[in-house]
Amino acid sequence: MPRGTDSRRLAAGLPAVDLPAAACTLVLAAAVAAAVAVAMVRLTQPDPPRIASVRLGELTARFALDVAGDGSSEETAAAEARRWATALEQALQAVAKRHDAVLLPARAVAVGALDLTPEVEAALARSLAPTEAKTAAAPAGVRP
């Protein structure tokens, strides 16, 4: 009689079962199923957004100095500030979407985040350019 078979199973007309081989087969099947499940989860989940920083204080300070040195009336300065804030919000959203990133103020990030300030400045300049007579190369918040 083959090793590992049960004589009672054979006497009853049932096939002989090699228990060590069956256990190995079961463990192998479970390992393959687990590997497939992990692979499916990893492949179907989107990558998490990255963290990037923007020097908002620097952008705001430049704009404030520009408006303060302009000599315009308080109403004009307030309207310009609203327009600039709207353009900044649009620029931040566009850059965040383009990089699939969460943008944080640079002071909120200790180290290691990509600095997207130059790209935000460029987007801000493009956003403000149609309503101002300035070149696209001018830094954000600075009038020519």
N, C-alpha and C. Protein backbone atom coordinates (compact mmCIF):
# COMPACT_ATOMS: atom_id res chain seq x y z
N MET A 1 0.85 -1.17 0.00
CA MET A 1 0.00 0.00 0.00
C MET A 1 0.90 1.24 0.00
N PRO A 2 0.55 2.25 -0.81
CA PRO A 2 1.39 3.44 -0.86
C PRO A 2 1.43 4.15 0.49
N ARG A 3 2.55 4.77 0.72
CA ARG A 3 2.77 5.47 1.98
C ARG A 3 1.82 6.67 2.08
N GLY A 4 1.23 6.89 3.25
CA GLY A 4 0.36 8.03 3.49
C GLY A 4 -1.09 7.77 3.10
N THR A 5 -1.44 6.55 2.71
CA THR A 5 -2.83 6.29 2.34
C THR A 5 -3.57 5.71 3.52
N ASP A 6 -4.84 5.82 3.50
CA ASP A 6 -5.68 5.33 4.58
C ASP A 6 -6.36 4.06 4.11
N SER A 7 -6.11 2.96 4.82
CA SER A 7 -6.66 1.66 4.40
C SER A 7 -8.18 1.64 4.48
N ARG A 8 -8.75 2.38 5.41
CA ARG A 8 -10.21 2.41 5.50
C ARG A 8 -10.83 3.10 4.29
N ARG A 9 -10.16 4.16 3.78
CA ARG A 9 -10.66 4.86 2.59
C ARG A 9 -10.62 3.92 1.39
N LEU A 10 -9.52 3.16 1.30
CA LEU A 10 -9.40 2.23 0.18
C LEU A 10 -10.45 1.12 0.27
N ALA A 11 -10.70 0.65 1.50
CA ALA A 11 -11.68 -0.42 1.69
C ALA A 11 -13.08 0.07 1.35
N ALA A 12 -13.34 1.35 1.58
CA ALA A 12 -14.66 1.90 1.29
C ALA A 12 -14.81 2.28 -0.17
N GLY A 13 -13.77 2.12 -0.97
CA GLY A 13 -13.84 2.44 -2.38
C GLY A 13 -13.54 3.90 -2.69
N LEU A 14 -13.06 4.63 -1.71
CA LEU A 14 -12.70 6.04 -1.92
C LEU A 14 -11.25 6.14 -2.36
N PRO A 15 -10.91 7.17 -3.11
CA PRO A 15 -9.52 7.30 -3.56
C PRO A 15 -8.59 7.59 -2.39
N ALA A 16 -7.37 7.14 -2.53
CA ALA A 16 -6.36 7.39 -1.50
C ALA A 16 -5.93 8.86 -1.57
N VAL A 17 -5.68 9.46 -0.41
CA VAL A 17 -5.28 10.86 -0.33
C VAL A 17 -3.90 10.94 0.28
N ASP A 18 -3.00 11.62 -0.42
CA ASP A 18 -1.65 11.85 0.11
C ASP A 18 -1.72 13.17 0.87
N LEU A 19 -1.83 13.11 2.20
CA LEU A 19 -2.03 14.30 3.02
C LEU A 19 -0.93 15.35 2.88
N PRO A 20 0.35 15.02 2.90
CA PRO A 20 1.37 16.06 2.73
C PRO A 20 1.26 16.77 1.39
N ALA A 21 0.97 16.03 0.34
CA ALA A 21 0.83 16.66 -0.98
C ALA A 21 -0.40 17.55 -1.03
N ALA A 22 -1.50 17.10 -0.41
CA ALA A 22 -2.72 17.90 -0.39
C ALA A 22 -2.52 19.18 0.41
N ALA A 23 -1.81 19.08 1.53
CA ALA A 23 -1.54 20.27 2.34
C ALA A 23 -0.66 21.25 1.58
N CYS A 24 0.36 20.76 0.89
CA CYS A 24 1.23 21.64 0.10
C CYS A 24 0.44 22.32 -1.02
N THR A 25 -0.45 21.57 -1.65
CA THR A 25 -1.27 22.13 -2.73
C THR A 25 -2.18 23.22 -2.18
N LEU A 26 -2.77 22.98 -1.03
CA LEU A 26 -3.65 23.96 -0.42
C LEU A 26 -2.89 25.24 -0.04
N VAL A 27 -1.72 25.09 0.55
CA VAL A 27 -0.91 26.25 0.94
C VAL A 27 -0.47 27.02 -0.30
N LEU A 28 -0.07 26.31 -1.35
CA LEU A 28 0.35 26.96 -2.58
C LEU A 28 -0.81 27.72 -3.23
N ALA A 29 -2.00 27.13 -3.24
CA ALA A 29 -3.18 27.80 -3.80
C ALA A 29 -3.52 29.05 -3.01
N ALA A 30 -3.43 28.98 -1.69
CA ALA A 30 -3.71 30.16 -0.85
C ALA A 30 -2.69 31.26 -1.10
N ALA A 31 -1.42 30.89 -1.27
CA ALA A 31 -0.38 31.89 -1.53
C ALA A 31 -0.60 32.57 -2.87
N VAL A 32 -0.95 31.81 -3.88
CA VAL A 32 -1.22 32.38 -5.21
C VAL A 32 -2.44 33.31 -5.14
N ALA A 33 -3.49 32.89 -4.45
CA ALA A 33 -4.68 33.73 -4.32
C ALA A 33 -4.36 35.03 -3.60
N ALA A 34 -3.55 34.96 -2.56
CA ALA A 34 -3.17 36.18 -1.83
C ALA A 34 -2.34 37.10 -2.71
N ALA A 35 -1.41 36.54 -3.47
CA ALA A 35 -0.58 37.36 -4.36
C ALA A 35 -1.42 38.04 -5.43
N VAL A 36 -2.38 37.33 -5.98
CA VAL A 36 -3.27 37.91 -7.00
C VAL A 36 -4.12 39.02 -6.38
N ALA A 37 -4.62 38.81 -5.18
CA ALA A 37 -5.44 39.83 -4.51
C ALA A 37 -4.62 41.09 -4.25
N VAL A 38 -3.41 40.94 -3.76
CA VAL A 38 -2.55 42.11 -3.49
C VAL A 38 -2.23 42.83 -4.79
N ALA A 39 -1.92 42.09 -5.84
CA ALA A 39 -1.60 42.71 -7.13
C ALA A 39 -2.80 43.48 -7.67
N MET A 40 -3.98 42.94 -7.56
CA MET A 40 -5.18 43.63 -8.05
C MET A 40 -5.43 44.92 -7.29
N VAL A 41 -5.26 44.89 -5.98
CA VAL A 41 -5.46 46.10 -5.18
C VAL A 41 -4.44 47.16 -5.56
N ARG A 42 -3.19 46.78 -5.69
CA ARG A 42 -2.14 47.75 -6.04
C ARG A 42 -2.32 48.32 -7.43
N LEU A 43 -2.74 47.50 -8.37
CA LEU A 43 -2.86 47.96 -9.75
C LEU A 43 -4.11 48.80 -9.98
N THR A 44 -5.14 48.59 -9.19
CA THR A 44 -6.38 49.34 -9.41
C THR A 44 -6.47 50.61 -8.59
N GLN A 45 -5.64 50.79 -7.60
CA GLN A 45 -5.67 52.00 -6.78
C GLN A 45 -4.84 53.09 -7.43
N PRO A 46 -5.37 54.32 -7.49
CA PRO A 46 -4.57 55.41 -8.05
C PRO A 46 -3.44 55.79 -7.09
N ASP A 47 -2.40 56.37 -7.66
CA ASP A 47 -1.30 56.84 -6.82
C ASP A 47 -1.79 58.00 -5.96
N PRO A 48 -1.34 58.09 -4.72
CA PRO A 48 -1.76 59.21 -3.88
C PRO A 48 -1.14 60.50 -4.39
N PRO A 49 -1.79 61.64 -4.13
CA PRO A 49 -1.21 62.90 -4.60
C PRO A 49 0.10 63.19 -3.88
N ARG A 50 0.97 63.92 -4.57
CA ARG A 50 2.25 64.30 -3.99
C ARG A 50 2.06 65.57 -3.16
N ILE A 51 3.05 65.86 -2.35
CA ILE A 51 3.06 67.08 -1.55
C ILE A 51 4.05 68.03 -2.20
N ALA A 52 3.63 69.27 -2.42
CA ALA A 52 4.50 70.30 -2.98
C ALA A 52 4.29 71.58 -2.18
N SER A 53 5.26 72.47 -2.25
CA SER A 53 5.15 73.71 -1.49
C SER A 53 5.16 74.92 -2.42
N VAL A 54 4.60 76.00 -1.92
CA VAL A 54 4.57 77.29 -2.62
C VAL A 54 4.89 78.36 -1.59
N ARG A 55 5.77 79.27 -1.96
CA ARG A 55 6.13 80.37 -1.06
C ARG A 55 5.08 81.48 -1.18
N LEU A 56 3.93 81.25 -0.53
CA LEU A 56 2.82 82.19 -0.61
C LEU A 56 3.15 83.53 0.03
N GLY A 57 3.90 83.51 1.11
CA GLY A 57 4.28 84.76 1.77
C GLY A 57 5.08 85.65 0.84
N GLU A 58 5.98 85.06 0.09
CA GLU A 58 6.80 85.82 -0.86
C GLU A 58 5.93 86.41 -1.98
N LEU A 59 5.02 85.61 -2.51
CA LEU A 59 4.13 86.10 -3.57
C LEU A 59 3.26 87.25 -3.07
N THR A 60 2.70 87.08 -1.88
CA THR A 60 1.82 88.10 -1.31
C THR A 60 2.60 89.37 -0.98
N ALA A 61 3.79 89.22 -0.44
CA ALA A 61 4.61 90.39 -0.10
C ALA A 61 4.97 91.18 -1.35
N ARG A 62 5.31 90.49 -2.43
CA ARG A 62 5.62 91.19 -3.68
C ARG A 62 4.43 91.98 -4.18
N PHE A 63 3.26 91.34 -4.13
CA PHE A 63 2.06 92.03 -4.59
C PHE A 63 1.75 93.23 -3.70
N ALA A 64 1.86 93.06 -2.38
CA ALA A 64 1.56 94.16 -1.46
C ALA A 64 2.51 95.33 -1.67
N LEU A 65 3.79 95.06 -1.87
CA LEU A 65 4.75 96.13 -2.15
C LEU A 65 4.44 96.83 -3.46
N ASP A 66 4.03 96.08 -4.44
CA ASP A 66 3.69 96.64 -5.73
C ASP A 66 2.49 97.58 -5.62
N VAL A 67 1.45 97.14 -4.91
CA VAL A 67 0.25 97.96 -4.76
C VAL A 67 0.54 99.18 -3.88
N ALA A 68 1.34 98.99 -2.83
CA ALA A 68 1.65 100.11 -1.93
C ALA A 68 2.47 101.18 -2.65
N GLY A 69 3.37 100.78 -3.52
CA GLY A 69 4.20 101.74 -4.24
C GLY A 69 3.54 102.32 -5.46
N ASP A 70 2.35 101.85 -5.76
CA ASP A 70 1.64 102.28 -6.96
C ASP A 70 1.05 103.68 -6.80
N GLY A 71 0.66 104.04 -5.60
CA GLY A 71 0.06 105.35 -5.37
C GLY A 71 -1.39 105.41 -5.81
N SER A 72 -2.02 104.27 -6.05
CA SER A 72 -3.42 104.27 -6.48
C SER A 72 -4.34 104.46 -5.27
N SER A 73 -5.60 104.76 -5.56
CA SER A 73 -6.57 104.99 -4.50
C SER A 73 -6.86 103.69 -3.75
N GLU A 74 -7.50 103.84 -2.60
CA GLU A 74 -7.81 102.67 -1.78
C GLU A 74 -8.79 101.74 -2.50
N GLU A 75 -9.76 102.31 -3.20
CA GLU A 75 -10.73 101.50 -3.94
C GLU A 75 -10.06 100.72 -5.07
N THR A 76 -9.14 101.39 -5.77
CA THR A 76 -8.42 100.73 -6.86
C THR A 76 -7.55 99.61 -6.31
N ALA A 77 -6.88 99.88 -5.19
CA ALA A 77 -6.03 98.86 -4.57
C ALA A 77 -6.86 97.67 -4.11
N ALA A 78 -8.04 97.92 -3.56
CA ALA A 78 -8.91 96.82 -3.11
C ALA A 78 -9.39 95.99 -4.29
N ALA A 79 -9.76 96.64 -5.38
CA ALA A 79 -10.20 95.92 -6.57
C ALA A 79 -9.05 95.10 -7.15
N GLU A 80 -7.86 95.70 -7.17
CA GLU A 80 -6.68 94.99 -7.68
C GLU A 80 -6.36 93.78 -6.79
N ALA A 81 -6.51 93.93 -5.49
CA ALA A 81 -6.24 92.82 -4.56
C ALA A 81 -7.23 91.68 -4.78
N ARG A 82 -8.50 92.01 -4.99
CA ARG A 82 -9.50 90.96 -5.26
C ARG A 82 -9.18 90.22 -6.55
N ARG A 83 -8.83 90.97 -7.58
CA ARG A 83 -8.50 90.36 -8.87
C ARG A 83 -7.25 89.48 -8.75
N TRP A 84 -6.25 89.97 -8.01
CA TRP A 84 -5.02 89.21 -7.82
C TRP A 84 -5.29 87.93 -7.03
N ALA A 85 -6.12 88.03 -5.98
CA ALA A 85 -6.44 86.85 -5.16
C ALA A 85 -7.18 85.79 -5.98
N THR A 86 -8.09 86.23 -6.83
CA THR A 86 -8.81 85.30 -7.71
C THR A 86 -7.85 84.63 -8.68
N ALA A 87 -6.95 85.42 -9.26
CA ALA A 87 -5.96 84.87 -10.20
C ALA A 87 -5.01 83.91 -9.48
N LEU A 88 -4.64 84.22 -8.25
CA LEU A 88 -3.76 83.34 -7.47
C LEU A 88 -4.46 82.00 -7.21
N GLU A 89 -5.72 82.05 -6.83
CA GLU A 89 -6.47 80.82 -6.58
C GLU A 89 -6.53 79.95 -7.83
N GLN A 90 -6.79 80.57 -8.97
CA GLN A 90 -6.85 79.82 -10.23
C GLN A 90 -5.48 79.23 -10.58
N ALA A 91 -4.42 80.00 -10.35
CA ALA A 91 -3.07 79.52 -10.64
C ALA A 91 -2.71 78.35 -9.74
N LEU A 92 -3.05 78.44 -8.46
CA LEU A 92 -2.77 77.34 -7.53
C LEU A 92 -3.52 76.07 -7.93
N GLN A 93 -4.78 76.23 -8.31
CA GLN A 93 -5.56 75.06 -8.73
C GLN A 93 -5.00 74.43 -9.99
N ALA A 94 -4.60 75.26 -10.96
CA ALA A 94 -4.06 74.73 -12.22
C ALA A 94 -2.75 73.98 -11.98
N VAL A 95 -1.87 74.55 -11.17
CA VAL A 95 -0.58 73.90 -10.91
C VAL A 95 -0.79 72.61 -10.11
N ALA A 96 -1.66 72.64 -9.13
CA ALA A 96 -1.94 71.44 -8.33
C ALA A 96 -2.49 70.32 -9.21
N LYS A 97 -3.39 70.67 -10.11
CA LYS A 97 -3.96 69.66 -11.01
C LYS A 97 -2.91 69.12 -11.98
N ARG A 98 -2.08 70.00 -12.53
CA ARG A 98 -1.06 69.59 -13.49
C ARG A 98 -0.07 68.61 -12.86
N HIS A 99 0.27 68.83 -11.60
CA HIS A 99 1.26 67.98 -10.92
C HIS A 99 0.62 66.89 -10.05
N ASP A 100 -0.70 66.84 -10.00
CA ASP A 100 -1.41 65.91 -9.12
C ASP A 100 -0.80 66.00 -7.72
N ALA A 101 -0.80 67.22 -7.20
CA ALA A 101 -0.14 67.48 -5.92
C ALA A 101 -1.04 68.28 -5.00
N VAL A 102 -0.81 68.12 -3.73
CA VAL A 102 -1.42 68.97 -2.71
C VAL A 102 -0.41 70.08 -2.45
N LEU A 103 -0.84 71.33 -2.63
CA LEU A 103 0.06 72.46 -2.42
C LEU A 103 -0.09 72.98 -1.00
N LEU A 104 1.04 73.11 -0.33
CA LEU A 104 1.07 73.65 1.03
C LEU A 104 1.96 74.88 1.05
N PRO A 105 1.69 75.80 1.97
CA PRO A 105 2.63 76.92 2.12
C PRO A 105 4.01 76.38 2.49
N ALA A 106 5.05 77.01 1.98
CA ALA A 106 6.41 76.52 2.21
C ALA A 106 6.74 76.44 3.71
N ARG A 107 6.17 77.31 4.50
CA ARG A 107 6.45 77.28 5.95
C ARG A 107 5.83 76.07 6.63
N ALA A 108 4.85 75.44 5.99
CA ALA A 108 4.20 74.26 6.58
C ALA A 108 4.96 72.98 6.28
N VAL A 109 5.96 73.06 5.41
CA VAL A 109 6.71 71.88 5.01
C VAL A 109 8.12 71.99 5.56
N ALA A 110 8.54 70.99 6.33
CA ALA A 110 9.88 71.03 6.93
C ALA A 110 10.96 70.85 5.87
N VAL A 111 10.87 69.78 5.08
CA VAL A 111 11.90 69.50 4.09
C VAL A 111 11.38 68.45 3.11
N GLY A 112 11.91 68.46 1.91
CA GLY A 112 11.66 67.38 0.97
C GLY A 112 10.55 67.57 -0.03
N ALA A 113 9.76 68.62 0.08
CA ALA A 113 8.67 68.82 -0.88
C ALA A 113 9.17 69.64 -2.07
N LEU A 114 8.65 69.33 -3.22
CA LEU A 114 8.97 70.05 -4.44
C LEU A 114 8.44 71.48 -4.33
N ASP A 115 9.26 72.48 -4.66
CA ASP A 115 8.84 73.88 -4.61
C ASP A 115 8.30 74.28 -5.98
N LEU A 116 7.01 74.57 -6.04
CA LEU A 116 6.35 74.93 -7.30
C LEU A 116 6.08 76.42 -7.41
N THR A 117 6.75 77.24 -6.60
CA THR A 117 6.53 78.68 -6.64
C THR A 117 6.77 79.28 -8.02
N PRO A 118 7.87 78.95 -8.71
CA PRO A 118 8.08 79.54 -10.04
C PRO A 118 6.95 79.21 -11.02
N GLU A 119 6.44 78.01 -10.93
CA GLU A 119 5.35 77.63 -11.83
C GLU A 119 4.05 78.37 -11.48
N VAL A 120 3.81 78.56 -10.19
CA VAL A 120 2.63 79.33 -9.77
C VAL A 120 2.78 80.78 -10.22
N GLU A 121 3.99 81.33 -10.10
CA GLU A 121 4.23 82.71 -10.57
C GLU A 121 3.94 82.84 -12.06
N ALA A 122 4.38 81.88 -12.84
CA ALA A 122 4.15 81.93 -14.29
C ALA A 122 2.66 81.83 -14.61
N ALA A 123 1.95 80.93 -13.93
CA ALA A 123 0.51 80.80 -14.14
C ALA A 123 -0.22 82.05 -13.71
N LEU A 124 0.22 82.66 -12.63
CA LEU A 124 -0.38 83.90 -12.15
C LEU A 124 -0.15 85.02 -13.15
N ALA A 125 1.05 85.12 -13.69
CA ALA A 125 1.34 86.15 -14.70
C ALA A 125 0.49 85.95 -15.94
N ARG A 126 0.31 84.70 -16.37
CA ARG A 126 -0.54 84.43 -17.54
C ARG A 126 -1.98 84.81 -17.25
N SER A 127 -2.44 84.54 -16.05
CA SER A 127 -3.82 84.85 -15.69
C SER A 127 -4.08 86.34 -15.62
N LEU A 128 -3.11 87.10 -15.15
CA LEU A 128 -3.27 88.54 -15.03
C LEU A 128 -2.95 89.28 -16.33
N ALA A 129 -2.23 88.67 -17.25
CA ALA A 129 -1.77 89.33 -18.47
C ALA A 129 -2.89 89.89 -19.34
N PRO A 130 -4.01 89.21 -19.56
CA PRO A 130 -5.03 89.76 -20.46
C PRO A 130 -5.64 91.07 -19.98
N THR A 131 -5.66 91.30 -18.68
CA THR A 131 -6.29 92.52 -18.17
C THR A 131 -5.29 93.60 -17.83
N GLU A 132 -4.02 93.29 -17.91
CA GLU A 132 -2.98 94.29 -17.65
C GLU A 132 -2.09 94.39 -18.86
N ALA A 133 -1.53 95.54 -19.11
CA ALA A 133 -0.58 95.71 -20.21
C ALA A 133 0.81 95.41 -19.67
N LYS A 134 1.12 94.12 -19.59
CA LYS A 134 2.44 93.72 -19.12
C LYS A 134 2.91 92.51 -19.88
N THR A 135 4.17 92.24 -19.84
CA THR A 135 4.71 91.09 -20.56
C THR A 135 4.52 89.84 -19.73
N ALA A 136 4.48 88.70 -20.38
CA ALA A 136 4.30 87.42 -19.69
C ALA A 136 5.52 87.07 -18.85
N ALA A 137 6.65 87.68 -19.13
CA ALA A 137 7.87 87.36 -18.40
C ALA A 137 7.97 88.10 -17.07
N ALA A 138 7.11 89.06 -16.82
CA ALA A 138 7.18 89.82 -15.57
C ALA A 138 6.82 88.90 -14.41
N PRO A 139 7.52 89.01 -13.28
CA PRO A 139 7.21 88.18 -12.12
C PRO A 139 5.81 88.47 -11.59
N ALA A 140 5.23 87.48 -10.94
CA ALA A 140 3.89 87.62 -10.39
C ALA A 140 3.85 88.73 -9.36
N GLY A 141 2.81 89.56 -9.45
CA GLY A 141 2.64 90.62 -8.48
C GLY A 141 3.46 91.86 -8.76
N VAL A 142 4.24 91.88 -9.82
CA VAL A 142 5.07 93.03 -10.15
C VAL A 142 4.61 93.58 -11.48
N ARG A 143 4.27 94.84 -11.50
CA ARG A 143 3.84 95.48 -12.75
C ARG A 143 5.05 96.06 -13.46
N PRO A 144 5.03 96.05 -14.82
CA PRO A 144 6.17 96.61 -15.56
C PRO A 144 6.24 98.11 -15.46
